[in-house]
Each structure stands twice: as C-alpha cells, then as structure tokens.
Protein backbone atom coordinates (compact mmCIF):
# COMPACT_ATOMS: atom_id res chain seq x y z
CA MET A 1 94.61 113.93 85.34
CA ALA A 2 96.09 114.79 88.75
CA PHE A 3 93.84 114.82 91.80
CA LEU A 4 94.31 118.60 92.02
CA ASP A 5 94.00 119.42 88.32
CA ILE A 6 90.50 120.75 88.99
CA PHE A 7 92.13 123.88 90.40
CA VAL A 8 92.75 126.91 88.21
CA GLY A 9 93.79 130.50 88.86
CA LYS A 10 93.02 131.62 92.40
CA GLN A 11 91.93 128.12 93.26
CA ARG A 12 95.60 127.14 93.40
CA GLN A 13 95.45 128.61 96.90
CA VAL A 14 93.49 125.52 97.90
CA GLU A 15 96.26 123.29 96.56
CA LYS A 16 98.79 125.17 98.66
CA MET A 17 96.60 124.78 101.73
CA ILE A 18 96.22 121.03 101.17
CA PHE A 19 99.98 120.51 101.14
CA GLU A 20 100.24 122.70 104.25
CA TYR A 21 97.63 120.46 105.87
CA LEU A 22 99.58 117.33 104.96
CA GLU A 23 102.75 118.79 106.51
CA GLN A 24 100.89 119.66 109.71
CA TRP A 25 99.33 116.19 109.72
CA LYS A 26 102.82 114.68 109.50
CA LYS A 27 104.14 116.83 112.37
CA CYS A 28 101.23 115.76 114.56
CA LEU A 29 101.99 112.10 114.01
CA GLU A 30 105.71 112.63 114.63
CA SER A 31 104.81 114.23 117.96
CA PHE A 32 102.63 111.23 118.79
CA LYS A 33 105.53 108.87 118.04
CA HIS A 34 107.92 110.83 120.25
CA GLY A 35 105.32 110.87 123.02
CA MET A 36 104.85 107.11 122.91
CA ASP A 37 108.63 106.56 122.87
CA VAL A 38 108.98 108.73 125.97
CA TYR A 39 106.08 106.94 127.66
CA LEU A 40 107.56 103.47 127.22
CA GLU A 41 111.07 104.62 128.10
CA HIS A 42 110.32 106.88 131.09
CA GLY A 43 106.64 106.45 131.89
CA LEU A 44 104.26 109.25 132.83
CA GLY A 45 105.72 112.64 133.68
CA GLU A 46 106.46 116.14 132.44
CA GLU A 47 108.19 115.01 129.25
CA PHE A 48 105.25 112.84 128.27
CA ASP A 49 102.82 115.65 129.15
CA PHE A 50 104.79 117.95 126.85
CA TYR A 51 104.18 115.66 123.87
CA VAL A 52 100.52 115.28 124.80
CA ASP A 53 100.16 119.07 124.66
CA GLU A 54 102.21 119.35 121.46
CA THR A 55 100.17 116.68 119.71
CA HIS A 56 96.95 118.39 120.79
CA LYS A 57 98.14 121.76 119.43
CA MET A 58 99.23 120.25 116.12
CA GLU A 59 96.02 118.25 115.74
CA SER A 60 93.98 121.40 116.41
CA HIS A 61 96.01 123.31 113.82
CA ALA A 62 95.44 120.53 111.28
CA ASP A 63 91.70 120.68 112.04
CA ASP A 64 91.70 124.44 111.45
CA LEU A 65 93.47 124.00 108.12
CA ARG A 66 91.00 121.34 107.01
CA ARG A 67 88.07 123.63 107.82
CA LYS A 68 89.70 126.48 105.87
CA ILE A 69 90.16 124.15 102.90
CA GLU A 70 86.49 123.17 103.17
CA TRP A 71 85.39 126.81 103.12
CA GLU A 72 87.69 127.66 100.21
CA MET A 73 86.48 124.73 98.13
CA TYR A 74 82.82 125.54 98.62
CA SER A 75 83.34 129.28 98.10
CA LYS A 76 85.20 128.69 94.82
CA ALA A 77 82.29 126.63 93.49
CA LEU A 78 84.44 123.72 92.39
CA ILE A 79 83.02 120.78 90.49
CA PRO A 80 80.82 119.03 93.11
CA GLU A 81 82.04 115.50 92.30
CA SER A 82 85.72 116.43 92.54
CA ARG A 83 85.09 118.59 95.58
CA GLY A 84 83.37 115.70 97.33
CA ASP A 85 86.27 113.35 96.56
CA ILE A 86 88.83 115.69 98.07
CA LEU A 87 86.79 116.68 101.12
CA GLY A 88 85.93 113.05 101.82
CA PHE A 89 89.59 112.16 101.56
CA LEU A 90 90.63 114.92 103.99
CA GLU A 91 87.94 113.94 106.49
CA THR A 92 89.19 110.35 106.44
CA MET A 93 92.79 111.52 106.81
CA ASP A 94 91.84 113.70 109.77
CA ARG A 95 90.59 110.72 111.76
CA ILE A 96 94.15 109.43 112.15
CA PRO A 97 95.66 112.34 114.16
CA ASN A 98 92.36 112.52 116.07
CA LYS A 99 92.86 108.95 117.22
CA ALA A 100 96.57 109.47 117.96
CA GLU A 101 95.68 112.44 120.19
CA ALA A 102 92.94 110.39 121.89
CA VAL A 103 95.42 107.59 122.69
CA LEU A 104 97.78 110.02 124.42
CA PHE A 105 94.90 111.57 126.38
CA GLN A 106 93.72 108.09 127.38
CA ILE A 107 97.14 107.23 128.81
CA GLN A 108 97.47 110.59 130.55
CA THR A 109 94.02 110.83 132.11
CA GLN A 110 93.78 107.17 133.17
CA ARG A 111 97.40 107.15 134.41
CA ILE A 112 97.97 103.85 132.63
CA HIS A 113 101.05 101.84 133.57
CA VAL A 114 102.33 99.28 131.08
CA PRO A 115 104.15 96.38 132.82
CA ARG A 116 107.76 95.96 131.71
CA GLU A 117 107.06 92.49 130.27
CA LEU A 118 104.60 94.06 127.80
CA HIS A 119 106.92 96.80 126.54
CA GLN A 120 108.18 94.79 123.58
CA ASN A 121 104.60 94.02 122.52
CA PHE A 122 103.55 97.65 122.82
CA ARG A 123 106.60 98.82 120.91
CA ARG A 124 105.75 96.43 118.10
CA ILE A 125 102.18 97.75 117.80
CA ILE A 126 103.28 101.38 118.02
CA THR A 127 106.01 100.82 115.42
CA LEU A 128 103.54 99.23 113.00
CA SER A 129 101.06 102.05 113.58
CA CYS A 130 103.69 104.73 112.97
CA GLU A 131 104.95 102.96 109.85
CA ALA A 132 101.38 102.80 108.53
CA MET A 133 100.99 106.52 109.18
CA GLU A 134 104.24 107.35 107.41
CA LEU A 135 103.17 105.30 104.40
CA THR A 136 99.79 107.03 104.43
CA TYR A 137 101.46 110.43 104.32
CA GLU A 138 103.74 109.33 101.48
CA ALA A 139 100.86 107.86 99.46
CA SER A 140 98.71 110.96 100.03
CA GLU A 141 101.46 113.28 98.86
CA LYS A 142 102.03 111.16 95.75
CA LEU A 143 98.31 111.21 95.00
CA PHE A 144 98.09 114.99 95.10
CA ARG A 145 101.31 115.37 93.11
CA ASN A 146 100.11 112.85 90.51
CA GLN A 147 103.14 110.63 91.05
CA LYS A 148 103.44 106.92 90.31
CA ASP A 149 103.78 103.80 92.47
CA ILE A 150 100.86 104.79 94.72
CA LEU A 151 99.34 101.31 94.72
CA LEU A 152 102.62 99.82 95.96
CA LEU A 153 102.31 102.08 99.00
CA THR A 154 98.64 101.27 99.62
CA ASP A 155 99.51 97.56 99.51
CA LYS A 156 102.16 98.19 102.17
CA ILE A 157 99.62 100.05 104.33
CA ASP A 158 97.20 97.12 104.12
CA HIS A 159 100.02 94.76 105.07
CA LYS A 160 100.90 96.89 108.11
CA GLU A 161 97.25 96.82 109.20
CA SER A 162 97.20 93.02 108.98
CA GLU A 163 100.48 92.74 110.91
CA CYS A 164 99.12 95.06 113.57
CA ASP A 165 95.96 92.97 113.96
CA HIS A 166 98.08 89.89 114.67
CA ALA A 167 100.27 91.82 117.11
CA GLU A 168 97.15 93.10 118.92
CA ARG A 169 95.71 89.63 119.33
CA ASP A 170 99.02 88.20 120.59
CA THR A 171 99.36 91.03 123.10
CA ILE A 172 95.81 90.73 124.40
CA ILE A 173 96.32 86.98 124.92
CA LYS A 174 99.51 87.73 126.83
CA ILE A 175 97.74 90.36 128.96
CA PHE A 176 95.02 87.97 130.09
CA ASP A 177 97.62 85.29 130.90
CA MET A 178 99.37 87.68 133.30
CA ALA A 179 98.91 87.62 137.07
CA ILE A 180 97.59 91.18 137.36
CA ASP A 181 94.29 92.68 138.45
CA LYS A 182 91.43 92.01 136.03
CA ALA A 183 90.60 95.72 135.85
CA ASP A 184 94.18 96.45 134.75
CA LYS A 185 93.87 93.73 132.09
CA ILE A 186 90.76 95.41 130.66
CA ILE A 187 92.39 98.87 130.69
CA LEU A 188 95.48 97.55 128.88
CA LYS A 189 93.33 95.64 126.38
CA GLU A 190 91.35 98.80 125.59
CA LEU A 191 94.58 100.76 125.11
CA ILE A 192 95.91 98.12 122.70
CA ILE A 193 92.68 98.26 120.68
CA GLU A 194 92.78 102.07 120.54
CA ILE A 195 96.38 102.12 119.30
CA GLY A 196 95.51 99.47 116.73
CA THR A 197 92.64 101.62 115.48
CA ILE A 198 95.26 103.96 114.01
CA THR A 199 96.26 101.34 111.43
CA ASP A 200 92.57 100.64 110.73
CA ARG A 201 92.10 104.30 109.89
CA ALA A 202 95.26 104.30 107.79
CA GLU A 203 93.74 101.43 105.83
CA ASN A 204 90.56 103.50 105.31
CA VAL A 205 92.67 106.28 103.80
CA SER A 206 94.49 103.68 101.72
CA ASP A 207 91.17 102.51 100.29
CA ARG A 208 90.27 106.08 99.28
CA ILE A 209 93.68 106.61 97.71
CA THR A 210 93.30 103.40 95.71
CA ILE A 211 89.88 104.48 94.43
CA GLN A 212 91.11 107.95 93.45
CA SER A 213 94.20 106.51 91.79
CA VAL A 214 92.04 104.22 89.67
CA LYS A 215 89.49 106.96 88.88
CA ARG A 216 92.09 109.33 87.51
CA LYS A 217 93.27 106.65 85.06
CA VAL A 218 89.80 106.22 83.62
C-alpha cells in the first residue's frame, strides 16, 4: 500500500498539498545552495542578501503549507496511526530548510568571513549537505508515489552524512591549526557544525523513510 493510499475522495486534496510542499521544500534548498555558492565566490553583499531573503520567503511558504496539511488531515478525520506517520514525517522534513535558513542568517548577522585557505573545505561540506538534501527530496517523492529503490537512496543519504562528519572534523582541525584569532576559530567551527547539522537532519528523514518503506511491505 502506498504511503498516501489512506486518502479517498476529497482527501486527495491533502495528497496534492503534500507534493506542493515537497516542491516548495526543494526550491528552498536550491536557494540555499545558490546563496552559499555566492557567499564563497563573492563574500557578503547584496547578491548574498538576496538569497538570504529568498530562502526565508520559501521556508516560510513551506511552513505555511505544512500547517495547512496538518489542518486538512485533522479535519478529515484520517486514521490516527497513518495521520501520525505522515505528520511526523513532514515535521522531520521541515527541520532541514529551517536549518538551511538559520545557516544563512548566521553568516549574514555575524558577518562571518571564511579565509581563502578554507574555501575548499567549506565547499566540500556544502556539496555533501546539498547532495544529501537532493537525495532526501528524491527518496521522499518516491515514498509518496509508492515507487521502488527507496532503500538505495536512504543508504546514499546515510553515506553522505558519514562523509560530511569526516569533512567537518578535518576542517575543524585545520581551523585550529591556523594562525588566526581564537574567537574567529570558534565562530568558524560553529558555522561548520551548523552546516553539518543539515546532513544529520537528512539522515533523520532517511530513518523515517526507511521505517515507512518497511511498514508498507508488511
């Protein structure tokens, strides 16, 4: 049974809203990626601020859609167990764009400057985070469409999370070996950890997808 097979009649509106949410979720993460690319290429400035604002707007829109889905699901009196699975999944998904937005705000408000010698390290972590997000979107869409090969995608997400952990540790070691102010080292370390949290949250979604994929086979 597909994850959305609990919907019948008018309740198909909820299904439509969920796919709309996933598309908005994807746009938010694409905006985050563009913002980080601009930041590493050109630093702080109007172009970066544009993507901060765009990501915020898209994240807010995704939040609004999730709340509408919540209201629809409760108002349609869906099966509590299935309703809980889907709402729990969406809440876990929503934590990823929330963190992406927070990372951009952190850079903008703290006026963080990444030394040129760390750019390659940062790009590696950002690339792994974005790849994990893309895989999360793909796996989520497959789950709701009842498509196959979901577990192959969740395995890839877990692998990206592990790779990102290693990249974080290597970067933090490099930061504290640099001849820069200790306060700057701490700020850069915190930024690295926050970016890495994105892959941690992708792994959390991956765990939920794995559970739902197994449950629907039972």
